[in-house]
Amino acid sequence: MASPATTPKPPYYAVIFTSIRMDGDNGYAEMAARMEELASAQPGFLGFETARQELGISISYWTTQEAIKAWKENVEHLQAQSRARDWYTAFRVRICRVEREYGF
């Protein structure tokens, strides 16, 4: 069963990736699994959440903006980014500083 990512006391950062997928896999599932595995091994990675219906939303959590920049510049991640037009009809990336968190 999926559960929300466990994150530390704020502040920390979130990268929100929203997307609309094309029909067909085109190697997406394999690449997405690899990216999650690779991101989770990066310094500063805190967690990951994702959901998909018509609109996909994936959120990764990071300690610093520098950690986010290092992830964006990771060689394998750059290769995946170069294939965006194989998988998406549209996407947006938003980077936010999390100031407050609550829940149960």
N, C-alpha and C. Protein backbone atom coordinates (compact mmCIF):
# COMPACT_ATOMS: atom_id res chain seq x y z
N MET A 1 0.83 -1.18 0.00
CA MET A 1 0.00 0.00 0.00
C MET A 1 0.88 1.25 0.00
N ALA A 2 0.55 2.19 -0.83
CA ALA A 2 1.30 3.44 -0.90
C ALA A 2 1.05 4.29 0.34
N SER A 3 2.05 5.08 0.70
CA SER A 3 1.90 6.00 1.82
C SER A 3 2.68 7.27 1.51
N PRO A 4 2.32 8.37 2.17
CA PRO A 4 3.07 9.60 1.95
C PRO A 4 4.53 9.44 2.33
N ALA A 5 5.40 10.17 1.64
CA ALA A 5 6.82 10.14 1.97
C ALA A 5 7.03 10.67 3.38
N THR A 6 7.99 10.10 4.07
CA THR A 6 8.37 10.57 5.39
C THR A 6 9.44 11.64 5.20
N THR A 7 9.15 12.85 5.62
CA THR A 7 10.07 13.96 5.42
C THR A 7 10.45 14.55 6.78
N PRO A 8 11.57 15.26 6.83
CA PRO A 8 12.00 15.85 8.10
C PRO A 8 11.21 17.12 8.42
N LYS A 9 11.50 17.68 9.55
CA LYS A 9 10.90 18.96 9.91
C LYS A 9 11.33 20.00 8.87
N PRO A 10 10.38 20.81 8.37
CA PRO A 10 10.74 21.85 7.39
C PRO A 10 11.71 22.87 8.00
N PRO A 11 12.43 23.58 7.15
CA PRO A 11 12.24 23.67 5.70
C PRO A 11 13.01 22.59 4.94
N TYR A 12 12.48 22.24 3.79
CA TYR A 12 13.12 21.40 2.80
C TYR A 12 12.48 21.76 1.47
N TYR A 13 12.82 21.09 0.40
CA TYR A 13 12.36 21.47 -0.93
C TYR A 13 11.58 20.34 -1.59
N ALA A 14 10.66 20.73 -2.47
CA ALA A 14 9.87 19.78 -3.24
C ALA A 14 9.99 20.13 -4.72
N VAL A 15 10.18 19.12 -5.54
CA VAL A 15 10.12 19.27 -6.99
C VAL A 15 8.83 18.59 -7.42
N ILE A 16 7.93 19.38 -7.97
CA ILE A 16 6.62 18.88 -8.40
C ILE A 16 6.65 18.76 -9.92
N PHE A 17 6.48 17.54 -10.40
CA PHE A 17 6.49 17.26 -11.84
C PHE A 17 5.08 16.83 -12.23
N THR A 18 4.39 17.66 -13.01
CA THR A 18 3.07 17.30 -13.49
C THR A 18 3.18 17.03 -14.99
N SER A 19 2.42 16.02 -15.45
CA SER A 19 2.58 15.62 -16.85
C SER A 19 1.31 14.99 -17.41
N ILE A 20 1.24 15.01 -18.72
CA ILE A 20 0.22 14.28 -19.47
C ILE A 20 0.98 13.32 -20.38
N ARG A 21 0.73 12.02 -20.20
CA ARG A 21 1.44 10.99 -20.94
C ARG A 21 0.84 10.79 -22.33
N MET A 22 1.69 10.39 -23.26
CA MET A 22 1.27 9.91 -24.57
C MET A 22 0.76 8.49 -24.43
N ASP A 23 0.05 8.02 -25.41
CA ASP A 23 -0.36 6.61 -25.43
C ASP A 23 0.87 5.74 -25.65
N GLY A 24 0.85 4.55 -25.09
CA GLY A 24 1.95 3.61 -25.27
C GLY A 24 3.04 3.83 -24.25
N ASP A 25 3.82 2.80 -24.01
CA ASP A 25 4.86 2.87 -22.99
C ASP A 25 6.15 3.50 -23.52
N ASN A 26 6.59 3.08 -24.70
CA ASN A 26 7.81 3.62 -25.32
C ASN A 26 9.03 3.59 -24.39
N GLY A 27 9.09 2.58 -23.52
CA GLY A 27 10.21 2.46 -22.60
C GLY A 27 10.06 3.26 -21.32
N TYR A 28 8.91 3.88 -21.13
CA TYR A 28 8.69 4.76 -19.97
C TYR A 28 8.78 4.02 -18.63
N ALA A 29 8.08 2.92 -18.48
CA ALA A 29 8.01 2.23 -17.19
C ALA A 29 9.40 1.85 -16.68
N GLU A 30 10.21 1.30 -17.56
CA GLU A 30 11.57 0.91 -17.18
C GLU A 30 12.39 2.14 -16.77
N MET A 31 12.28 3.22 -17.55
CA MET A 31 13.05 4.42 -17.24
C MET A 31 12.56 5.06 -15.94
N ALA A 32 11.26 5.10 -15.73
CA ALA A 32 10.72 5.70 -14.50
C ALA A 32 11.21 4.94 -13.27
N ALA A 33 11.23 3.63 -13.34
CA ALA A 33 11.72 2.82 -12.22
C ALA A 33 13.20 3.10 -11.97
N ARG A 34 13.96 3.20 -13.03
CA ARG A 34 15.40 3.49 -12.89
C ARG A 34 15.62 4.87 -12.29
N MET A 35 14.84 5.86 -12.72
CA MET A 35 15.01 7.22 -12.20
C MET A 35 14.67 7.28 -10.71
N GLU A 36 13.63 6.57 -10.29
CA GLU A 36 13.28 6.55 -8.87
C GLU A 36 14.41 5.89 -8.06
N GLU A 37 14.94 4.79 -8.57
CA GLU A 37 16.06 4.12 -7.91
C GLU A 37 17.28 5.02 -7.83
N LEU A 38 17.61 5.67 -8.93
CA LEU A 38 18.78 6.53 -8.99
C LEU A 38 18.61 7.77 -8.11
N ALA A 39 17.45 8.41 -8.17
CA ALA A 39 17.20 9.61 -7.35
C ALA A 39 17.34 9.28 -5.87
N SER A 40 16.81 8.14 -5.46
CA SER A 40 16.81 7.78 -4.05
C SER A 40 18.23 7.58 -3.50
N ALA A 41 19.20 7.38 -4.38
CA ALA A 41 20.59 7.21 -3.97
C ALA A 41 21.38 8.52 -4.00
N GLN A 42 20.75 9.61 -4.44
CA GLN A 42 21.44 10.89 -4.55
C GLN A 42 21.54 11.58 -3.19
N PRO A 43 22.67 12.24 -2.92
CA PRO A 43 22.78 13.03 -1.70
C PRO A 43 21.66 14.09 -1.65
N GLY A 44 21.03 14.20 -0.50
CA GLY A 44 19.98 15.20 -0.32
C GLY A 44 18.58 14.73 -0.63
N PHE A 45 18.42 13.52 -1.18
CA PHE A 45 17.09 12.99 -1.48
C PHE A 45 16.38 12.62 -0.19
N LEU A 46 15.10 13.03 -0.09
CA LEU A 46 14.32 12.74 1.12
C LEU A 46 13.16 11.78 0.89
N GLY A 47 12.58 11.79 -0.30
CA GLY A 47 11.43 10.92 -0.54
C GLY A 47 10.78 11.22 -1.87
N PHE A 48 9.76 10.38 -2.20
CA PHE A 48 9.10 10.47 -3.51
C PHE A 48 7.66 10.02 -3.38
N GLU A 49 6.77 10.72 -4.07
CA GLU A 49 5.35 10.35 -4.14
C GLU A 49 4.89 10.54 -5.58
N THR A 50 3.99 9.68 -6.03
CA THR A 50 3.49 9.81 -7.40
C THR A 50 2.07 9.27 -7.50
N ALA A 51 1.31 9.86 -8.41
CA ALA A 51 -0.06 9.43 -8.71
C ALA A 51 -0.34 9.76 -10.17
N ARG A 52 -1.12 8.90 -10.82
CA ARG A 52 -1.42 9.15 -12.23
C ARG A 52 -2.84 8.72 -12.55
N GLN A 53 -3.56 9.64 -13.17
CA GLN A 53 -4.80 9.33 -13.86
C GLN A 53 -4.65 10.00 -15.21
N GLU A 54 -5.47 10.96 -15.55
CA GLU A 54 -5.24 11.71 -16.78
C GLU A 54 -4.02 12.61 -16.63
N LEU A 55 -3.89 13.21 -15.46
CA LEU A 55 -2.75 14.05 -15.13
C LEU A 55 -1.87 13.30 -14.14
N GLY A 56 -0.59 13.22 -14.43
CA GLY A 56 0.34 12.59 -13.51
C GLY A 56 0.99 13.64 -12.64
N ILE A 57 1.16 13.31 -11.38
CA ILE A 57 1.83 14.21 -10.44
C ILE A 57 2.87 13.39 -9.69
N SER A 58 4.12 13.81 -9.80
CA SER A 58 5.21 13.17 -9.07
C SER A 58 5.93 14.25 -8.29
N ILE A 59 6.19 13.97 -7.02
CA ILE A 59 6.85 14.94 -6.16
C ILE A 59 8.05 14.27 -5.52
N SER A 60 9.20 14.89 -5.69
CA SER A 60 10.39 14.42 -4.98
C SER A 60 10.78 15.50 -3.97
N TYR A 61 11.31 15.04 -2.84
CA TYR A 61 11.66 15.94 -1.74
C TYR A 61 13.17 15.93 -1.55
N TRP A 62 13.73 17.12 -1.30
CA TRP A 62 15.17 17.30 -1.24
C TRP A 62 15.57 18.23 -0.09
N THR A 63 16.78 18.06 0.39
CA THR A 63 17.27 18.88 1.50
C THR A 63 17.58 20.31 1.08
N THR A 64 18.14 20.48 -0.13
CA THR A 64 18.59 21.81 -0.57
C THR A 64 18.34 22.00 -2.06
N GLN A 65 18.41 23.25 -2.49
CA GLN A 65 18.33 23.54 -3.92
C GLN A 65 19.56 22.99 -4.65
N GLU A 66 20.69 22.94 -3.99
CA GLU A 66 21.91 22.39 -4.60
C GLU A 66 21.74 20.90 -4.89
N ALA A 67 21.07 20.18 -3.99
CA ALA A 67 20.81 18.76 -4.21
C ALA A 67 19.89 18.57 -5.42
N ILE A 68 18.90 19.45 -5.57
CA ILE A 68 18.00 19.40 -6.72
C ILE A 68 18.78 19.65 -8.01
N LYS A 69 19.65 20.64 -7.99
CA LYS A 69 20.46 20.97 -9.17
C LYS A 69 21.36 19.79 -9.55
N ALA A 70 21.98 19.17 -8.55
CA ALA A 70 22.84 18.00 -8.83
C ALA A 70 22.03 16.87 -9.45
N TRP A 71 20.81 16.65 -8.97
CA TRP A 71 19.95 15.61 -9.55
C TRP A 71 19.59 15.96 -10.99
N LYS A 72 19.23 17.20 -11.25
CA LYS A 72 18.87 17.62 -12.61
C LYS A 72 20.04 17.39 -13.57
N GLU A 73 21.27 17.54 -13.07
CA GLU A 73 22.46 17.42 -13.91
C GLU A 73 23.06 16.01 -13.92
N ASN A 74 22.44 15.05 -13.22
CA ASN A 74 22.91 13.67 -13.23
C ASN A 74 22.87 13.13 -14.66
N VAL A 75 23.93 12.46 -15.09
CA VAL A 75 24.06 12.02 -16.49
C VAL A 75 22.89 11.14 -16.93
N GLU A 76 22.52 10.15 -16.14
CA GLU A 76 21.39 9.28 -16.52
C GLU A 76 20.08 10.04 -16.52
N HIS A 77 19.92 10.96 -15.59
CA HIS A 77 18.71 11.77 -15.54
C HIS A 77 18.63 12.68 -16.77
N LEU A 78 19.76 13.24 -17.20
CA LEU A 78 19.79 14.05 -18.42
C LEU A 78 19.36 13.22 -19.63
N GLN A 79 19.78 11.96 -19.68
CA GLN A 79 19.38 11.09 -20.79
C GLN A 79 17.87 10.87 -20.77
N ALA A 80 17.31 10.66 -19.59
CA ALA A 80 15.86 10.49 -19.47
C ALA A 80 15.14 11.77 -19.88
N GLN A 81 15.65 12.92 -19.44
CA GLN A 81 15.03 14.20 -19.80
C GLN A 81 15.01 14.40 -21.32
N SER A 82 16.04 13.93 -21.99
CA SER A 82 16.12 14.11 -23.44
C SER A 82 15.04 13.31 -24.18
N ARG A 83 14.40 12.37 -23.49
CA ARG A 83 13.35 11.55 -24.11
C ARG A 83 11.94 12.04 -23.76
N ALA A 84 11.81 13.19 -23.16
CA ALA A 84 10.51 13.71 -22.72
C ALA A 84 9.47 13.68 -23.83
N ARG A 85 9.84 14.02 -25.03
CA ARG A 85 8.87 14.06 -26.14
C ARG A 85 8.43 12.67 -26.58
N ASP A 86 9.13 11.62 -26.14
CA ASP A 86 8.71 10.24 -26.40
C ASP A 86 7.57 9.82 -25.47
N TRP A 87 7.44 10.51 -24.33
CA TRP A 87 6.52 10.07 -23.28
C TRP A 87 5.40 11.03 -22.93
N TYR A 88 5.62 12.33 -23.14
CA TYR A 88 4.67 13.34 -22.65
C TYR A 88 4.16 14.24 -23.78
N THR A 89 2.89 14.61 -23.67
CA THR A 89 2.36 15.65 -24.56
C THR A 89 2.55 17.02 -23.92
N ALA A 90 2.70 17.03 -22.59
CA ALA A 90 2.96 18.28 -21.86
C ALA A 90 3.50 17.93 -20.48
N PHE A 91 4.32 18.82 -19.93
CA PHE A 91 4.76 18.66 -18.54
C PHE A 91 5.17 20.01 -17.98
N ARG A 92 5.21 20.08 -16.67
CA ARG A 92 5.68 21.26 -15.94
C ARG A 92 6.49 20.78 -14.74
N VAL A 93 7.55 21.52 -14.43
CA VAL A 93 8.35 21.28 -13.24
C VAL A 93 8.26 22.53 -12.37
N ARG A 94 7.95 22.32 -11.11
CA ARG A 94 7.87 23.43 -10.16
C ARG A 94 8.73 23.06 -8.95
N ILE A 95 9.52 24.02 -8.49
CA ILE A 95 10.39 23.79 -7.34
C ILE A 95 9.92 24.72 -6.22
N CYS A 96 9.67 24.13 -5.06
CA CYS A 96 9.08 24.87 -3.94
C CYS A 96 9.86 24.62 -2.67
N ARG A 97 9.86 25.60 -1.81
CA ARG A 97 10.40 25.43 -0.46
C ARG A 97 9.24 25.11 0.45
N VAL A 98 9.32 23.99 1.15
CA VAL A 98 8.27 23.60 2.10
C VAL A 98 8.56 24.28 3.42
N GLU A 99 7.63 25.11 3.84
CA GLU A 99 7.78 25.88 5.07
C GLU A 99 7.05 25.24 6.25
N ARG A 100 5.98 24.53 5.94
CA ARG A 100 5.15 23.96 7.00
C ARG A 100 4.62 22.62 6.52
N GLU A 101 4.45 21.71 7.45
CA GLU A 101 3.92 20.38 7.14
C GLU A 101 3.10 19.90 8.34
N TYR A 102 1.98 19.27 8.05
CA TYR A 102 1.19 18.66 9.13
C TYR A 102 0.35 17.56 8.56
N GLY A 103 -0.15 16.69 9.38
CA GLY A 103 -0.97 15.57 8.93
C GLY A 103 -0.96 14.46 9.97
N PHE A 104 -1.52 13.33 9.59
CA PHE A 104 -1.51 12.16 10.47
C PHE A 104 -1.35 10.91 9.65
